[in-house]
Amino acid sequence: MLRIYDVIIDTVGRLRPVMERVGQHDADLGRQMRRAAASVALNVAEGSSSRGRNRGARYHTAAGSMREVGAALDVAVALGYIPGVDDALRDRVGLITNTLLKNARS
């Protein structure tokens, strides 16, 4: 399992209150954020048990899902559902995305 997996799980937990608040304003966007966040962890777990191209594909999919989470945060701010996103949380989203993209190429 990638070492970033624990960071992913922790980040999903930190996103939970944000996703709940977004869901109070827009149930569809809240659900989409939850699905994307869960997809990151699930694809990393699946990729860790895969070989060759399948491993890279799962990590690439996970990176795309984390980018989707970041975009959902942007949309939630733009629509006024949340006032902003903590810089540390934003940095974690970027760290996870970059780590997964790096591992997708390996």
N, C-alpha and C. Protein backbone atom coordinates (compact mmCIF):
# COMPACT_ATOMS: atom_id res chain seq x y z
N MET A 1 0.86 -1.18 0.00
CA MET A 1 0.00 0.00 0.00
C MET A 1 0.89 1.23 0.00
N LEU A 2 0.52 2.22 -0.78
CA LEU A 2 1.28 3.47 -0.80
C LEU A 2 1.24 4.14 0.57
N ARG A 3 2.34 4.79 0.94
CA ARG A 3 2.37 5.50 2.22
C ARG A 3 1.36 6.65 2.25
N ILE A 4 1.01 7.18 1.09
CA ILE A 4 0.07 8.30 1.03
C ILE A 4 -1.35 7.86 1.42
N TYR A 5 -1.59 6.55 1.47
CA TYR A 5 -2.93 6.04 1.80
C TYR A 5 -3.42 6.59 3.15
N ASP A 6 -2.57 6.58 4.16
CA ASP A 6 -2.98 7.09 5.47
C ASP A 6 -3.32 8.58 5.41
N VAL A 7 -2.58 9.33 4.60
CA VAL A 7 -2.87 10.75 4.41
C VAL A 7 -4.22 10.92 3.72
N ILE A 8 -4.50 10.04 2.77
CA ILE A 8 -5.79 10.09 2.06
C ILE A 8 -6.93 9.87 3.04
N ILE A 9 -6.84 8.83 3.85
CA ILE A 9 -7.90 8.52 4.82
C ILE A 9 -8.08 9.67 5.80
N ASP A 10 -6.99 10.23 6.28
CA ASP A 10 -7.08 11.37 7.19
C ASP A 10 -7.72 12.57 6.50
N THR A 11 -7.37 12.80 5.26
CA THR A 11 -7.92 13.93 4.51
C THR A 11 -9.41 13.75 4.26
N VAL A 12 -9.83 12.54 3.94
CA VAL A 12 -11.25 12.26 3.77
C VAL A 12 -12.00 12.59 5.06
N GLY A 13 -11.42 12.21 6.19
CA GLY A 13 -12.03 12.55 7.48
C GLY A 13 -12.11 14.06 7.70
N ARG A 14 -11.06 14.77 7.31
CA ARG A 14 -11.07 16.23 7.46
C ARG A 14 -12.06 16.90 6.50
N LEU A 15 -12.32 16.25 5.39
CA LEU A 15 -13.29 16.78 4.42
C LEU A 15 -14.74 16.54 4.84
N ARG A 16 -14.95 15.58 5.72
CA ARG A 16 -16.32 15.20 6.10
C ARG A 16 -17.18 16.39 6.51
N PRO A 17 -16.74 17.24 7.44
CA PRO A 17 -17.62 18.37 7.82
C PRO A 17 -17.87 19.33 6.66
N VAL A 18 -16.88 19.49 5.79
CA VAL A 18 -17.06 20.36 4.62
C VAL A 18 -18.10 19.75 3.69
N MET A 19 -17.98 18.44 3.45
CA MET A 19 -18.94 17.77 2.56
C MET A 19 -20.35 17.83 3.14
N GLU A 20 -20.47 17.68 4.45
CA GLU A 20 -21.79 17.76 5.08
C GLU A 20 -22.39 19.15 4.91
N ARG A 21 -21.57 20.18 5.09
CA ARG A 21 -22.07 21.55 4.94
C ARG A 21 -22.48 21.82 3.49
N VAL A 22 -21.66 21.38 2.56
CA VAL A 22 -22.01 21.54 1.14
C VAL A 22 -23.31 20.81 0.85
N GLY A 23 -23.45 19.60 1.38
CA GLY A 23 -24.64 18.80 1.16
C GLY A 23 -25.91 19.45 1.69
N GLN A 24 -25.79 20.28 2.71
CA GLN A 24 -26.96 21.01 3.23
C GLN A 24 -27.47 22.03 2.22
N HIS A 25 -26.56 22.54 1.40
CA HIS A 25 -26.92 23.53 0.39
C HIS A 25 -27.24 22.87 -0.96
N ASP A 26 -26.51 21.81 -1.27
CA ASP A 26 -26.61 21.17 -2.57
C ASP A 26 -26.33 19.68 -2.40
N ALA A 27 -27.40 18.91 -2.27
CA ALA A 27 -27.25 17.48 -1.99
C ALA A 27 -26.45 16.77 -3.09
N ASP A 28 -26.67 17.15 -4.34
CA ASP A 28 -25.95 16.50 -5.44
C ASP A 28 -24.45 16.75 -5.36
N LEU A 29 -24.06 17.99 -5.12
CA LEU A 29 -22.63 18.31 -5.02
C LEU A 29 -22.01 17.62 -3.81
N GLY A 30 -22.72 17.58 -2.70
CA GLY A 30 -22.22 16.88 -1.52
C GLY A 30 -22.00 15.40 -1.79
N ARG A 31 -22.96 14.77 -2.48
CA ARG A 31 -22.81 13.34 -2.82
C ARG A 31 -21.64 13.13 -3.78
N GLN A 32 -21.51 14.02 -4.76
CA GLN A 32 -20.42 13.88 -5.72
C GLN A 32 -19.06 14.01 -5.03
N MET A 33 -18.96 14.94 -4.10
CA MET A 33 -17.71 15.09 -3.34
C MET A 33 -17.40 13.82 -2.54
N ARG A 34 -18.43 13.27 -1.89
CA ARG A 34 -18.22 12.05 -1.10
C ARG A 34 -17.79 10.89 -1.99
N ARG A 35 -18.45 10.73 -3.14
CA ARG A 35 -18.09 9.64 -4.05
C ARG A 35 -16.66 9.81 -4.55
N ALA A 36 -16.29 11.02 -4.92
CA ALA A 36 -14.94 11.27 -5.43
C ALA A 36 -13.90 11.01 -4.34
N ALA A 37 -14.16 11.49 -3.12
CA ALA A 37 -13.21 11.27 -2.02
C ALA A 37 -13.06 9.78 -1.72
N ALA A 38 -14.17 9.06 -1.69
CA ALA A 38 -14.11 7.62 -1.45
C ALA A 38 -13.37 6.92 -2.58
N SER A 39 -13.57 7.37 -3.81
CA SER A 39 -12.92 6.78 -4.97
C SER A 39 -11.40 6.86 -4.88
N VAL A 40 -10.90 7.93 -4.30
CA VAL A 40 -9.44 8.07 -4.16
C VAL A 40 -8.91 6.91 -3.33
N ALA A 41 -9.46 6.72 -2.15
CA ALA A 41 -8.98 5.65 -1.27
C ALA A 41 -9.19 4.27 -1.88
N LEU A 42 -10.35 4.06 -2.47
CA LEU A 42 -10.65 2.74 -3.03
C LEU A 42 -9.75 2.39 -4.21
N ASN A 43 -9.48 3.37 -5.08
CA ASN A 43 -8.60 3.11 -6.22
C ASN A 43 -7.15 2.91 -5.80
N VAL A 44 -6.71 3.62 -4.76
CA VAL A 44 -5.35 3.40 -4.26
C VAL A 44 -5.24 1.99 -3.68
N ALA A 45 -6.24 1.58 -2.93
CA ALA A 45 -6.22 0.22 -2.37
C ALA A 45 -6.21 -0.82 -3.49
N GLU A 46 -7.04 -0.62 -4.50
CA GLU A 46 -7.08 -1.57 -5.61
C GLU A 46 -5.76 -1.56 -6.38
N GLY A 47 -5.22 -0.36 -6.62
CA GLY A 47 -3.96 -0.26 -7.35
C GLY A 47 -2.80 -0.92 -6.62
N SER A 48 -2.84 -0.85 -5.32
CA SER A 48 -1.76 -1.45 -4.53
C SER A 48 -1.72 -2.96 -4.66
N SER A 49 -2.83 -3.54 -5.09
CA SER A 49 -2.88 -4.98 -5.30
C SER A 49 -2.77 -5.36 -6.78
N SER A 50 -2.53 -4.37 -7.62
CA SER A 50 -2.44 -4.59 -9.06
C SER A 50 -0.98 -4.56 -9.51
N ARG A 51 -0.81 -4.93 -10.77
CA ARG A 51 0.53 -4.91 -11.36
C ARG A 51 0.49 -4.16 -12.69
N GLY A 52 1.65 -3.71 -13.10
CA GLY A 52 1.81 -3.12 -14.42
C GLY A 52 0.88 -1.95 -14.70
N ARG A 53 0.28 -1.99 -15.88
CA ARG A 53 -0.59 -0.90 -16.33
C ARG A 53 -1.80 -0.70 -15.43
N ASN A 54 -2.33 -1.79 -14.90
CA ASN A 54 -3.51 -1.66 -14.04
C ASN A 54 -3.20 -0.83 -12.80
N ARG A 55 -2.02 -1.01 -12.24
CA ARG A 55 -1.63 -0.24 -11.06
C ARG A 55 -1.60 1.25 -11.41
N GLY A 56 -0.91 1.58 -12.48
CA GLY A 56 -0.83 2.97 -12.91
C GLY A 56 -2.19 3.56 -13.23
N ALA A 57 -3.05 2.76 -13.85
CA ALA A 57 -4.39 3.24 -14.19
C ALA A 57 -5.21 3.54 -12.94
N ARG A 58 -5.12 2.68 -11.93
CA ARG A 58 -5.86 2.92 -10.68
C ARG A 58 -5.36 4.19 -9.99
N TYR A 59 -4.04 4.38 -9.96
CA TYR A 59 -3.48 5.57 -9.32
C TYR A 59 -3.85 6.83 -10.11
N HIS A 60 -3.87 6.72 -11.42
CA HIS A 60 -4.27 7.86 -12.25
C HIS A 60 -5.73 8.20 -12.02
N THR A 61 -6.58 7.20 -11.92
CA THR A 61 -8.00 7.42 -11.62
C THR A 61 -8.16 8.08 -10.25
N ALA A 62 -7.39 7.60 -9.28
CA ALA A 62 -7.45 8.18 -7.93
C ALA A 62 -7.03 9.65 -7.96
N ALA A 63 -6.00 9.97 -8.72
CA ALA A 63 -5.56 11.37 -8.84
C ALA A 63 -6.65 12.22 -9.46
N GLY A 64 -7.32 11.69 -10.48
CA GLY A 64 -8.43 12.41 -11.10
C GLY A 64 -9.57 12.65 -10.12
N SER A 65 -9.84 11.68 -9.30
CA SER A 65 -10.89 11.84 -8.29
C SER A 65 -10.51 12.89 -7.26
N MET A 66 -9.23 12.92 -6.89
CA MET A 66 -8.80 13.95 -5.92
C MET A 66 -8.89 15.33 -6.56
N ARG A 67 -8.58 15.43 -7.85
CA ARG A 67 -8.76 16.71 -8.55
C ARG A 67 -10.24 17.10 -8.56
N GLU A 68 -11.09 16.11 -8.71
CA GLU A 68 -12.53 16.37 -8.68
C GLU A 68 -12.95 16.92 -7.32
N VAL A 69 -12.40 16.38 -6.25
CA VAL A 69 -12.68 16.90 -4.91
C VAL A 69 -12.26 18.37 -4.84
N GLY A 70 -11.06 18.67 -5.35
CA GLY A 70 -10.59 20.05 -5.35
C GLY A 70 -11.50 20.97 -6.14
N ALA A 71 -11.97 20.50 -7.28
CA ALA A 71 -12.89 21.31 -8.09
C ALA A 71 -14.22 21.50 -7.38
N ALA A 72 -14.70 20.47 -6.69
CA ALA A 72 -15.95 20.60 -5.95
C ALA A 72 -15.80 21.62 -4.83
N LEU A 73 -14.64 21.66 -4.20
CA LEU A 73 -14.39 22.69 -3.18
C LEU A 73 -14.44 24.08 -3.81
N ASP A 74 -13.83 24.22 -4.99
CA ASP A 74 -13.87 25.51 -5.70
C ASP A 74 -15.30 25.93 -6.01
N VAL A 75 -16.10 24.98 -6.49
CA VAL A 75 -17.49 25.27 -6.83
C VAL A 75 -18.28 25.65 -5.58
N ALA A 76 -18.05 24.93 -4.51
CA ALA A 76 -18.76 25.21 -3.25
C ALA A 76 -18.44 26.62 -2.74
N VAL A 77 -17.20 27.03 -2.87
CA VAL A 77 -16.83 28.40 -2.48
C VAL A 77 -17.48 29.41 -3.41
N ALA A 78 -17.39 29.15 -4.71
CA ALA A 78 -17.94 30.08 -5.71
C ALA A 78 -19.44 30.26 -5.54
N LEU A 79 -20.13 29.21 -5.13
CA LEU A 79 -21.59 29.29 -4.95
C LEU A 79 -21.98 29.76 -3.56
N GLY A 80 -20.99 29.99 -2.70
CA GLY A 80 -21.27 30.51 -1.36
C GLY A 80 -21.73 29.47 -0.37
N TYR A 81 -21.52 28.19 -0.67
CA TYR A 81 -21.91 27.14 0.26
C TYR A 81 -20.97 27.07 1.46
N ILE A 82 -19.71 27.39 1.21
CA ILE A 82 -18.70 27.45 2.27
C ILE A 82 -17.92 28.75 2.06
N PRO A 83 -17.41 29.33 3.16
CA PRO A 83 -16.71 30.61 3.01
C PRO A 83 -15.33 30.49 2.36
N GLY A 84 -14.73 29.35 2.46
CA GLY A 84 -13.39 29.13 1.92
C GLY A 84 -12.90 27.76 2.34
N VAL A 85 -11.69 27.46 1.91
CA VAL A 85 -11.08 26.17 2.25
C VAL A 85 -9.76 26.45 2.95
N ASP A 86 -9.57 25.80 4.08
CA ASP A 86 -8.34 25.93 4.84
C ASP A 86 -7.13 25.62 3.94
N ASP A 87 -6.10 26.46 4.02
CA ASP A 87 -4.91 26.27 3.19
C ASP A 87 -4.26 24.91 3.41
N ALA A 88 -4.25 24.44 4.64
CA ALA A 88 -3.63 23.14 4.93
C ALA A 88 -4.40 22.01 4.24
N LEU A 89 -5.72 22.11 4.22
CA LEU A 89 -6.53 21.10 3.54
C LEU A 89 -6.31 21.17 2.03
N ARG A 90 -6.26 22.37 1.50
CA ARG A 90 -5.99 22.57 0.08
C ARG A 90 -4.62 21.98 -0.29
N ASP A 91 -3.63 22.20 0.58
CA ASP A 91 -2.28 21.65 0.34
C ASP A 91 -2.30 20.13 0.33
N ARG A 92 -3.07 19.52 1.22
CA ARG A 92 -3.16 18.06 1.27
C ARG A 92 -3.76 17.50 -0.02
N VAL A 93 -4.79 18.18 -0.53
CA VAL A 93 -5.40 17.74 -1.80
C VAL A 93 -4.35 17.77 -2.90
N GLY A 94 -3.55 18.83 -2.94
CA GLY A 94 -2.49 18.92 -3.94
C GLY A 94 -1.41 17.88 -3.76
N LEU A 95 -1.00 17.66 -2.52
CA LEU A 95 0.02 16.65 -2.23
C LEU A 95 -0.44 15.27 -2.67
N ILE A 96 -1.66 14.93 -2.34
CA ILE A 96 -2.20 13.62 -2.72
C ILE A 96 -2.25 13.48 -4.23
N THR A 97 -2.78 14.50 -4.91
CA THR A 97 -2.87 14.45 -6.37
C THR A 97 -1.50 14.26 -6.99
N ASN A 98 -0.53 15.07 -6.57
CA ASN A 98 0.82 14.99 -7.15
C ASN A 98 1.49 13.66 -6.86
N THR A 99 1.32 13.15 -5.66
CA THR A 99 1.92 11.86 -5.31
C THR A 99 1.33 10.74 -6.16
N LEU A 100 0.02 10.77 -6.34
CA LEU A 100 -0.63 9.73 -7.13
C LEU A 100 -0.23 9.81 -8.59
N LEU A 101 -0.13 11.01 -9.13
CA LEU A 101 0.31 11.15 -10.53
C LEU A 101 1.72 10.64 -10.71
N LYS A 102 2.60 10.93 -9.75
CA LYS A 102 3.97 10.45 -9.81
C LYS A 102 4.00 8.91 -9.80
N ASN A 103 3.19 8.31 -8.93
CA ASN A 103 3.16 6.85 -8.84
C ASN A 103 2.45 6.21 -10.02
N ALA A 104 1.56 6.95 -10.67
CA ALA A 104 0.88 6.40 -11.86
C ALA A 104 1.85 6.23 -13.01
N ARG A 105 2.88 7.06 -13.03
CA ARG A 105 3.89 6.99 -14.11
C ARG A 105 4.97 5.96 -13.84
N SER A 106 5.09 5.53 -12.60
CA SER A 106 6.18 4.60 -12.23
C SER A 106 5.94 3.20 -12.73
